[in-house]
Amino acid sequence: MALFSQLIFQAVRWKARRGLSEEAAEQGGKKLAARRTGIRGETFAYWYLRRMGYVFVARNYTPRSAKGELDLVGYDGGTLAIVEVRTRTVREELTALPELSVTEEKQRVLARTAKRFLAEPGVSGAVRRAGHRQRAGASAGSAAA
């Protein structure tokens, strides 16, 4: 499994370096180009964090009849992490850090969406079981060492 993850990560890295062709950006317009950049960033973040040891329980969670989306939800050790991925293209007029693009309103929407995620039927138990498996795997790994 580690070899497969490494191959996928290398493919995503290669695609990210290659970037969008100007032709595709012109055909689909700026919105399509921005959407593709966002998807590429989320995929890159997913595989990068998997390599760093995260265990994911959800991707692109969107609650029913509510505004908001959680890009990645997973465990970093015993800690449940909700990851908001912000991907930006490099331009001279846009030098701000991506984290500055998360407004207070976006933070409120993320918090509300995270509460809805944890309140979903069946999610709480599944999240706890995934965290328990993660902690048990870490304990077994350290006991074997």
C-alpha atoms as a PDB file:
ATOM      1  CA  MET A   1       0.000   0.000   0.000  1.00  0.00           C
ATOM      2  CA  ALA A   2       2.866   2.378   0.757  1.00  0.00           C
ATOM      3  CA  LEU A   3       4.260   1.862  -2.739  1.00  0.00           C
ATOM      4  CA  PHE A   4       0.868   2.638  -4.286  1.00  0.00           C
ATOM      5  CA  SER A   5       0.524   5.820  -2.194  1.00  0.00           C
ATOM      6  CA  GLN A   6       4.024   6.881  -3.177  1.00  0.00           C
ATOM      7  CA  LEU A   7       3.276   6.349  -6.892  1.00  0.00           C
ATOM      8  CA  ILE A   8       0.043   8.331  -6.681  1.00  0.00           C
ATOM      9  CA  PHE A   9       1.784  11.125  -4.764  1.00  0.00           C
ATOM     10  CA  GLN A  10       4.513  11.319  -7.443  1.00  0.00           C
ATOM     11  CA  ALA A  11       1.856  11.436 -10.193  1.00  0.00           C
ATOM     12  CA  VAL A  12       0.032  14.280  -8.427  1.00  0.00           C
ATOM     13  CA  ARG A  13       3.301  16.148  -7.896  1.00  0.00           C
ATOM     14  CA  TRP A  14       4.196  15.744 -11.592  1.00  0.00           C
ATOM     15  CA  LYS A  15       0.746  16.956 -12.663  1.00  0.00           C
ATOM     16  CA  ALA A  16       0.956  19.922 -10.273  1.00  0.00           C
ATOM     17  CA  ARG A  17       4.342  20.930 -11.698  1.00  0.00           C
ATOM     18  CA  ARG A  18       2.993  20.608 -15.222  1.00  0.00           C
ATOM     19  CA  GLY A  19       0.043  22.853 -14.393  1.00  0.00           C
ATOM     20  CA  LEU A  20      -2.894  23.807 -16.532  1.00  0.00           C
ATOM     21  CA  SER A  21      -2.278  24.394 -20.190  1.00  0.00           C
ATOM     22  CA  GLU A  22      -3.174  27.865 -21.448  1.00  0.00           C
ATOM     23  CA  GLU A  23      -5.409  26.268 -24.035  1.00  0.00           C
ATOM     24  CA  ALA A  24      -7.565  24.543 -21.404  1.00  0.00           C
ATOM     25  CA  ALA A  25      -7.786  27.730 -19.347  1.00  0.00           C
ATOM     26  CA  GLU A  26      -8.925  29.757 -22.363  1.00  0.00           C
ATOM     27  CA  GLN A  27     -11.531  27.201 -23.442  1.00  0.00           C
ATOM     28  CA  GLY A  28     -13.204  26.755 -20.072  1.00  0.00           C
ATOM     29  CA  GLY A  29     -12.801  30.248 -18.744  1.00  0.00           C
ATOM     30  CA  LYS A  30     -11.440  31.449 -15.446  1.00  0.00           C
ATOM     31  CA  LYS A  31     -13.969  29.574 -13.295  1.00  0.00           C
ATOM     32  CA  LEU A  32     -13.055  26.219 -14.786  1.00  0.00           C
ATOM     33  CA  ALA A  33      -9.361  26.976 -14.394  1.00  0.00           C
ATOM     34  CA  ALA A  34      -9.911  27.988 -10.762  1.00  0.00           C
ATOM     35  CA  ARG A  35     -11.953  24.831 -10.095  1.00  0.00           C
ATOM     36  CA  ARG A  36      -9.250  22.634 -11.623  1.00  0.00           C
ATOM     37  CA  THR A  37      -6.601  24.365  -9.563  1.00  0.00           C
ATOM     38  CA  GLY A  38      -8.674  23.779  -6.418  1.00  0.00           C
ATOM     39  CA  ILE A  39      -9.213  20.096  -7.202  1.00  0.00           C
ATOM     40  CA  ARG A  40      -5.511  19.670  -7.921  1.00  0.00           C
ATOM     41  CA  GLY A  41      -4.645  21.357  -4.611  1.00  0.00           C
ATOM     42  CA  GLU A  42      -7.061  19.151  -2.645  1.00  0.00           C
ATOM     43  CA  THR A  43      -5.690  16.009  -4.282  1.00  0.00           C
ATOM     44  CA  PHE A  44      -2.114  17.077  -3.610  1.00  0.00           C
ATOM     45  CA  ALA A  45      -2.956  17.878   0.035  1.00  0.00           C
ATOM     46  CA  TYR A  46      -4.723  14.521   0.461  1.00  0.00           C
ATOM     47  CA  TRP A  47      -1.780  12.475  -0.772  1.00  0.00           C
ATOM     48  CA  TYR A  48       0.774  14.631   1.042  1.00  0.00           C
ATOM     49  CA  LEU A  49      -1.049  14.268   4.371  1.00  0.00           C
ATOM     50  CA  ARG A  50      -1.501  10.511   3.813  1.00  0.00           C
ATOM     51  CA  ARG A  51       2.254  10.262   3.389  1.00  0.00           C
ATOM     52  CA  MET A  52       2.638  12.171   6.665  1.00  0.00           C
ATOM     53  CA  GLY A  53       0.533   9.547   8.440  1.00  0.00           C
ATOM     54  CA  TYR A  54      -2.984  10.990   8.406  1.00  0.00           C
ATOM     55  CA  VAL A  55      -5.871   8.510   8.303  1.00  0.00           C
ATOM     56  CA  PHE A  56      -8.828  10.071   6.467  1.00  0.00           C
ATOM     57  CA  VAL A  57     -12.456   9.394   7.318  1.00  0.00           C
ATOM     58  CA  ALA A  58     -14.103  11.846   4.872  1.00  0.00           C
ATOM     59  CA  ARG A  59     -13.366  13.925   1.794  1.00  0.00           C
ATOM     60  CA  ASN A  60     -15.431  16.827   0.418  1.00  0.00           C
ATOM     61  CA  TYR A  61     -18.193  16.414   3.004  1.00  0.00           C
ATOM     62  CA  THR A  62     -21.205  18.622   2.228  1.00  0.00           C
ATOM     63  CA  PRO A  63     -24.176  18.610   4.611  1.00  0.00           C
ATOM     64  CA  ARG A  64     -27.694  18.305   3.225  1.00  0.00           C
ATOM     65  CA  SER A  65     -29.590  21.591   2.887  1.00  0.00           C
ATOM     66  CA  ALA A  66     -26.777  23.694   4.319  1.00  0.00           C
ATOM     67  CA  LYS A  67     -23.954  25.881   3.112  1.00  0.00           C
ATOM     68  CA  GLY A  68     -20.388  24.677   3.473  1.00  0.00           C
ATOM     69  CA  GLU A  69     -17.964  21.884   2.718  1.00  0.00           C
ATOM     70  CA  LEU A  70     -15.182  20.144   4.624  1.00  0.00           C
ATOM     71  CA  ASP A  71     -12.319  19.360   2.242  1.00  0.00           C
ATOM     72  CA  LEU A  72     -10.576  16.686   4.323  1.00  0.00           C
ATOM     73  CA  VAL A  73     -11.410  15.071   7.662  1.00  0.00           C
ATOM     74  CA  GLY A  74      -8.921  12.678   9.175  1.00  0.00           C
ATOM     75  CA  TYR A  75      -6.766  11.685  12.094  1.00  0.00           C
ATOM     76  CA  ASP A  76      -3.284  12.961  12.817  1.00  0.00           C
ATOM     77  CA  GLY A  77      -2.402  10.421  15.464  1.00  0.00           C
ATOM     78  CA  GLY A  78      -5.201  10.624  18.031  1.00  0.00           C
ATOM     79  CA  THR A  79      -6.347  14.094  16.961  1.00  0.00           C
ATOM     80  CA  LEU A  80      -9.267  14.546  14.582  1.00  0.00           C
ATOM     81  CA  ALA A  81      -8.185  17.142  12.018  1.00  0.00           C
ATOM     82  CA  ILE A  82     -10.475  19.070   9.692  1.00  0.00           C
ATOM     83  CA  VAL A  83      -8.436  20.450   6.798  1.00  0.00           C
ATOM     84  CA  GLU A  84      -9.478  23.384   4.622  1.00  0.00           C
ATOM     85  CA  VAL A  85      -7.346  23.400   1.470  1.00  0.00           C
ATOM     86  CA  ARG A  86      -6.644  26.770  -0.153  1.00  0.00           C
ATOM     87  CA  THR A  87      -4.854  26.647  -3.495  1.00  0.00           C
ATOM     88  CA  ARG A  88      -3.693  29.776  -5.246  1.00  0.00           C
ATOM     89  CA  THR A  89      -1.826  30.382  -8.447  1.00  0.00           C
ATOM     90  CA  VAL A  90       1.327  32.471  -8.237  1.00  0.00           C
ATOM     91  CA  ARG A  91       0.865  35.970  -9.605  1.00  0.00           C
ATOM     92  CA  GLU A  92       2.798  39.104  -8.831  1.00  0.00           C
ATOM     93  CA  GLU A  93      -0.293  41.090  -7.799  1.00  0.00           C
ATOM     94  CA  LEU A  94      -1.398  38.285  -5.439  1.00  0.00           C
ATOM     95  CA  THR A  95       1.278  37.933  -2.784  1.00  0.00           C
ATOM     96  CA  ALA A  96      -0.932  37.285   0.268  1.00  0.00           C
ATOM     97  CA  LEU A  97      -0.717  33.991   2.104  1.00  0.00           C
ATOM     98  CA  PRO A  98      -3.518  31.460   1.445  1.00  0.00           C
ATOM     99  CA  GLU A  99      -4.516  31.371   5.122  1.00  0.00           C
ATOM    100  CA  LEU A 100      -5.390  35.066   4.893  1.00  0.00           C
ATOM    101  CA  SER A 101      -8.095  34.180   2.356  1.00  0.00           C
ATOM    102  CA  VAL A 102     -10.110  32.340   5.034  1.00  0.00           C
ATOM    103  CA  THR A 103     -12.450  35.082   6.223  1.00  0.00           C
ATOM    104  CA  GLU A 104     -14.339  35.135   9.526  1.00  0.00           C
ATOM    105  CA  GLU A 105     -17.497  34.134   7.639  1.00  0.00           C
ATOM    106  CA  LYS A 106     -15.676  31.151   6.109  1.00  0.00           C
ATOM    107  CA  GLN A 107     -14.444  30.160   9.578  1.00  0.00           C
ATOM    108  CA  ARG A 108     -18.023  30.294  10.922  1.00  0.00           C
ATOM    109  CA  VAL A 109     -19.258  28.162   8.003  1.00  0.00           C
ATOM    110  CA  LEU A 110     -16.454  25.627   8.596  1.00  0.00           C
ATOM    111  CA  ALA A 111     -17.255  25.401  12.317  1.00  0.00           C
ATOM    112  CA  ARG A 112     -20.979  24.955  11.601  1.00  0.00           C
ATOM    113  CA  THR A 113     -20.244  22.319   8.949  1.00  0.00           C
ATOM    114  CA  ALA A 114     -17.876  20.456  11.296  1.00  0.00           C
ATOM    115  CA  LYS A 115     -20.614  20.334  13.964  1.00  0.00           C
ATOM    116  CA  ARG A 116     -23.055  18.975  11.375  1.00  0.00           C
ATOM    117  CA  PHE A 117     -20.488  16.366  10.302  1.00  0.00           C
ATOM    118  CA  LEU A 118     -20.032  15.144  13.875  1.00  0.00           C
ATOM    119  CA  ALA A 119     -23.825  15.116  14.417  1.00  0.00           C
ATOM    120  CA  GLU A 120     -24.533  12.918  11.337  1.00  0.00           C
ATOM    121  CA  PRO A 121     -26.015   9.521  12.228  1.00  0.00           C
ATOM    122  CA  GLY A 122     -23.294   6.895  12.222  1.00  0.00           C
ATOM    123  CA  VAL A 123     -20.447   9.366  11.756  1.00  0.00           C
ATOM    124  CA  SER A 124     -19.593   9.787  15.407  1.00  0.00           C
ATOM    125  CA  GLY A 125     -19.131   6.041  15.954  1.00  0.00           C
ATOM    126  CA  ALA A 126     -17.195   5.613  12.710  1.00  0.00           C
ATOM    127  CA  VAL A 127     -14.931   8.524  13.579  1.00  0.00           C
ATOM    128  CA  ARG A 128     -14.316   7.108  17.051  1.00  0.00           C
ATOM    129  CA  ARG A 129     -13.560   3.645  15.624  1.00  0.00           C
ATOM    130  CA  ALA A 130     -11.140   5.106  13.060  1.00  0.00           C
ATOM    131  CA  GLY A 131      -9.387   7.058  15.824  1.00  0.00           C
ATOM    132  CA  HIS A 132      -9.221   3.958  17.984  1.00  0.00           C
ATOM    133  CA  ARG A 133      -7.701   1.946  15.100  1.00  0.00           C
ATOM    134  CA  GLN A 134      -5.182   4.746  14.545  1.00  0.00           C
ATOM    135  CA  ARG A 135      -4.178   4.827  18.233  1.00  0.00           C
ATOM    136  CA  ALA A 136      -4.093   1.025  18.455  1.00  0.00           C
ATOM    137  CA  GLY A 137      -1.865   0.866  15.348  1.00  0.00           C
ATOM    138  CA  ALA A 138       0.478   3.454  16.835  1.00  0.00           C
ATOM    139  CA  SER A 139       0.615   1.539  20.140  1.00  0.00           C
ATOM    140  CA  ALA A 140       1.284  -1.762  18.365  1.00  0.00           C
ATOM    141  CA  GLY A 141       3.974  -0.091  16.233  1.00  0.00           C
ATOM    142  CA  SER A 142       5.733   1.380  19.254  1.00  0.00           C
ATOM    143  CA  ALA A 143       5.415  -1.907  21.188  1.00  0.00           C
ATOM    144  CA  ALA A 144       7.031  -3.793  18.273  1.00  0.00           C
ATOM    145  CA  ALA A 145       9.938  -1.340  18.132  1.00  0.00           C
END
